[in-house]
Amino acid sequence: MRVSFPPPPGSAAAPQLGMTYEEVVEIVGGEGELSNTAGGGEYKIELYSWDGNGSVGSNANVTFTNGKVSGKAQLGLEASASS
């Protein structure tokens, strides 16, 4: 799903470490695509991807460990118009 991703990480509107998937979805305005999953039981890692609103191939990836944001990466994203 292509979303109008928020400003780069570090801004108040960007997904922050420790947030839940639901909180990230609320910020970016849409569900991500589950790209990869590992582990299980007490230790589960999930990687979600979103297509960005920037140049061709722009995207954002958010890693969740046990349901909380543990890492973020982005490529070619533009700040949303509301920033």
C-alpha atoms as a PDB file:
ATOM      1  CA  MET A   1       0.000   0.000   0.000  1.00  0.00           C
ATOM      2  CA  ARG A   2       1.380   3.421  -0.954  1.00  0.00           C
ATOM      3  CA  VAL A   3       1.010   5.896   1.884  1.00  0.00           C
ATOM      4  CA  SER A   4       1.973   9.501   2.447  1.00  0.00           C
ATOM      5  CA  PHE A   5       4.708   8.694   4.904  1.00  0.00           C
ATOM      6  CA  PRO A   6       5.444  11.193   7.697  1.00  0.00           C
ATOM      7  CA  PRO A   7       8.617  13.283   8.029  1.00  0.00           C
ATOM      8  CA  PRO A   8      11.921  11.421   8.483  1.00  0.00           C
ATOM      9  CA  PRO A   9      12.588   9.467  11.721  1.00  0.00           C
ATOM     10  CA  GLY A  10      13.339  11.722  14.654  1.00  0.00           C
ATOM     11  CA  SER A  11      10.425  14.072  14.041  1.00  0.00           C
ATOM     12  CA  ALA A  12       7.478  13.900  16.408  1.00  0.00           C
ATOM     13  CA  ALA A  13       5.220  12.522  13.649  1.00  0.00           C
ATOM     14  CA  ALA A  14       7.488   9.601  12.720  1.00  0.00           C
ATOM     15  CA  PRO A  15       7.156   6.087  14.179  1.00  0.00           C
ATOM     16  CA  GLN A  16       9.194   5.847  17.376  1.00  0.00           C
ATOM     17  CA  LEU A  17      10.951   2.950  19.089  1.00  0.00           C
ATOM     18  CA  GLY A  18       8.583   1.099  21.407  1.00  0.00           C
ATOM     19  CA  MET A  19       5.391   1.909  19.477  1.00  0.00           C
ATOM     20  CA  THR A  20       2.964  -0.865  18.564  1.00  0.00           C
ATOM     21  CA  TYR A  21       2.019  -1.789  14.988  1.00  0.00           C
ATOM     22  CA  GLU A  22      -1.383  -0.180  15.520  1.00  0.00           C
ATOM     23  CA  GLU A  23       0.241   3.115  16.559  1.00  0.00           C
ATOM     24  CA  VAL A  24       2.477   3.081  13.469  1.00  0.00           C
ATOM     25  CA  VAL A  25      -0.505   2.343  11.177  1.00  0.00           C
ATOM     26  CA  GLU A  26      -2.329   5.330  12.680  1.00  0.00           C
ATOM     27  CA  ILE A  27       0.645   7.610  11.980  1.00  0.00           C
ATOM     28  CA  VAL A  28       1.308   6.488   8.396  1.00  0.00           C
ATOM     29  CA  GLY A  29      -2.345   6.146   7.449  1.00  0.00           C
ATOM     30  CA  GLY A  30      -2.399   2.554   6.263  1.00  0.00           C
ATOM     31  CA  GLU A  31      -1.457  -1.051   6.860  1.00  0.00           C
ATOM     32  CA  GLY A  32       2.032  -2.228   5.977  1.00  0.00           C
ATOM     33  CA  GLU A  33       2.924  -5.413   4.133  1.00  0.00           C
ATOM     34  CA  LEU A  34       4.405  -8.150   6.326  1.00  0.00           C
ATOM     35  CA  SER A  35       7.707  -8.812   4.530  1.00  0.00           C
ATOM     36  CA  ASN A  36       9.395 -11.223   6.897  1.00  0.00           C
ATOM     37  CA  THR A  37       8.925 -12.923  10.233  1.00  0.00           C
ATOM     38  CA  ALA A  38      11.252 -14.883  12.488  1.00  0.00           C
ATOM     39  CA  GLY A  39      11.194 -16.517  15.863  1.00  0.00           C
ATOM     40  CA  GLY A  40       8.152 -17.359  17.866  1.00  0.00           C
ATOM     41  CA  GLY A  41       6.994 -17.961  21.379  1.00  0.00           C
ATOM     42  CA  GLU A  42       8.582 -15.381  23.659  1.00  0.00           C
ATOM     43  CA  TYR A  43      10.733 -13.819  20.921  1.00  0.00           C
ATOM     44  CA  LYS A  44       9.100 -12.811  17.636  1.00  0.00           C
ATOM     45  CA  ILE A  45      10.452 -10.442  14.968  1.00  0.00           C
ATOM     46  CA  GLU A  46       8.295  -9.020  12.160  1.00  0.00           C
ATOM     47  CA  LEU A  47       9.356  -6.691   9.334  1.00  0.00           C
ATOM     48  CA  TYR A  48       6.655  -4.533   7.727  1.00  0.00           C
ATOM     49  CA  SER A  49       7.146  -2.460   4.571  1.00  0.00           C
ATOM     50  CA  TRP A  50       5.333   0.556   3.154  1.00  0.00           C
ATOM     51  CA  ASP A  51       5.720   2.107  -0.298  1.00  0.00           C
ATOM     52  CA  GLY A  52       6.594   5.779   0.009  1.00  0.00           C
ATOM     53  CA  ASN A  53       5.401   8.965  -1.640  1.00  0.00           C
ATOM     54  CA  GLY A  54       8.839  10.011  -2.896  1.00  0.00           C
ATOM     55  CA  SER A  55      10.901   8.890  -5.861  1.00  0.00           C
ATOM     56  CA  VAL A  56      10.422   5.564  -7.627  1.00  0.00           C
ATOM     57  CA  GLY A  57      11.270   2.773  -5.200  1.00  0.00           C
ATOM     58  CA  SER A  58      10.831   4.929  -2.101  1.00  0.00           C
ATOM     59  CA  ASN A  59       9.862   2.874   0.917  1.00  0.00           C
ATOM     60  CA  ALA A  60       9.957   2.526   4.667  1.00  0.00           C
ATOM     61  CA  ASN A  61      10.563  -0.599   6.713  1.00  0.00           C
ATOM     62  CA  VAL A  62       9.742  -0.983  10.376  1.00  0.00           C
ATOM     63  CA  THR A  63      10.934  -3.917  12.468  1.00  0.00           C
ATOM     64  CA  PHE A  64       8.855  -5.058  15.421  1.00  0.00           C
ATOM     65  CA  THR A  65      10.290  -7.250  18.170  1.00  0.00           C
ATOM     66  CA  ASN A  66       7.632  -8.761  20.411  1.00  0.00           C
ATOM     67  CA  GLY A  67       5.065  -6.301  19.060  1.00  0.00           C
ATOM     68  CA  LYS A  68       7.082  -3.093  19.549  1.00  0.00           C
ATOM     69  CA  VAL A  69       9.114  -1.012  17.085  1.00  0.00           C
ATOM     70  CA  SER A  70      12.756  -2.027  17.422  1.00  0.00           C
ATOM     71  CA  GLY A  71      14.173  -0.617  14.174  1.00  0.00           C
ATOM     72  CA  LYS A  72      13.339   1.642  11.232  1.00  0.00           C
ATOM     73  CA  ALA A  73      14.772   2.287   7.784  1.00  0.00           C
ATOM     74  CA  GLN A  74      13.691   4.432   4.860  1.00  0.00           C
ATOM     75  CA  LEU A  75      14.734   5.224   1.317  1.00  0.00           C
ATOM     76  CA  GLY A  76      13.736   8.197  -0.842  1.00  0.00           C
ATOM     77  CA  LEU A  77      10.800   9.398   1.261  1.00  0.00           C
ATOM     78  CA  GLU A  78       9.458  12.927   1.110  1.00  0.00           C
ATOM     79  CA  ALA A  79       7.944  14.720   4.093  1.00  0.00           C
ATOM     80  CA  SER A  80       4.146  14.832   4.089  1.00  0.00           C
ATOM     81  CA  ALA A  81       2.463  18.070   3.073  1.00  0.00           C
ATOM     82  CA  SER A  82       1.214  18.651   6.625  1.00  0.00           C
ATOM     83  CA  SER A  83       4.744  18.993   8.050  1.00  0.00           C
END
